[in-house]
């Protein structure tokens, strides 16, 4: 299977997934979301690959959702069920990656913004470039933090810091992200994929059945309440996106 914006390289028992939309700083549009969901699901029954590295292109990981893509917001001719399913796309994408049995490692260069930060939160480990930053600007465009990211973020940093990250929309540098536990390692710029690969290869060298059992057990414990707190986050986004304040904020944000 081949995709327009995603490539998979297999190195023994490790796979490297490169997400490269070739434009707009790897912003997520419906096409990229569908492809990344398919890629995540393609590993679910793969017994030869034991670890997966997710990276962007050489210059950046992702600038988040593509606010300029008309298909992200178009509702003409769509039923309410169609619209609701479209708002669920990001959550399904993150679920597909979180539920992969392999150990997953994100390698993030330059920026991981909004949706581009929500996806790495669904992975097991995260490596961030030394001059890169994390940024959650959803509040600025009148939206909640969707894609199941809110409980994952809260689990990592606690409620007070989660509120600060989401509500104040402060850009977070690598040192702070490491200190707060949002990333597991900081690597020199241009070296995040290399370090993520080292972690993945080490994980892949362990007895695979035991690794999968431990991952499932830890996730079952850590994520036990995630579905309870985020099952309707896409409905909240659907509602919020149609509010006049959100529409005005989105238009202003896109011009910055």
Foldseek 3Di string as FASTA:
>chain_A
DDADFWDWDDDFQEIEIEGEPPDDFSADDPRSLVVLLVVLQVQQPPPGHAEYEYEYPQAWGHAYHDLPDCNLPDDPPHDPVRNLVSLCSLLSSLVSNLNRLHQYEYQGAAEQEQSSLQNRLSGDAYEYEQFHKYWYCQVLLQAFRASLRLLSVCLQQNDVVSCCRHVVRDIGGPVVCCVRRSHVYYDHRSCRRVVRVVVRVVSSVPDRVVSSVVSVVVCCVSCVCSCVVHVCRSVRRVVRCPDPSSVVSSVVVVVD
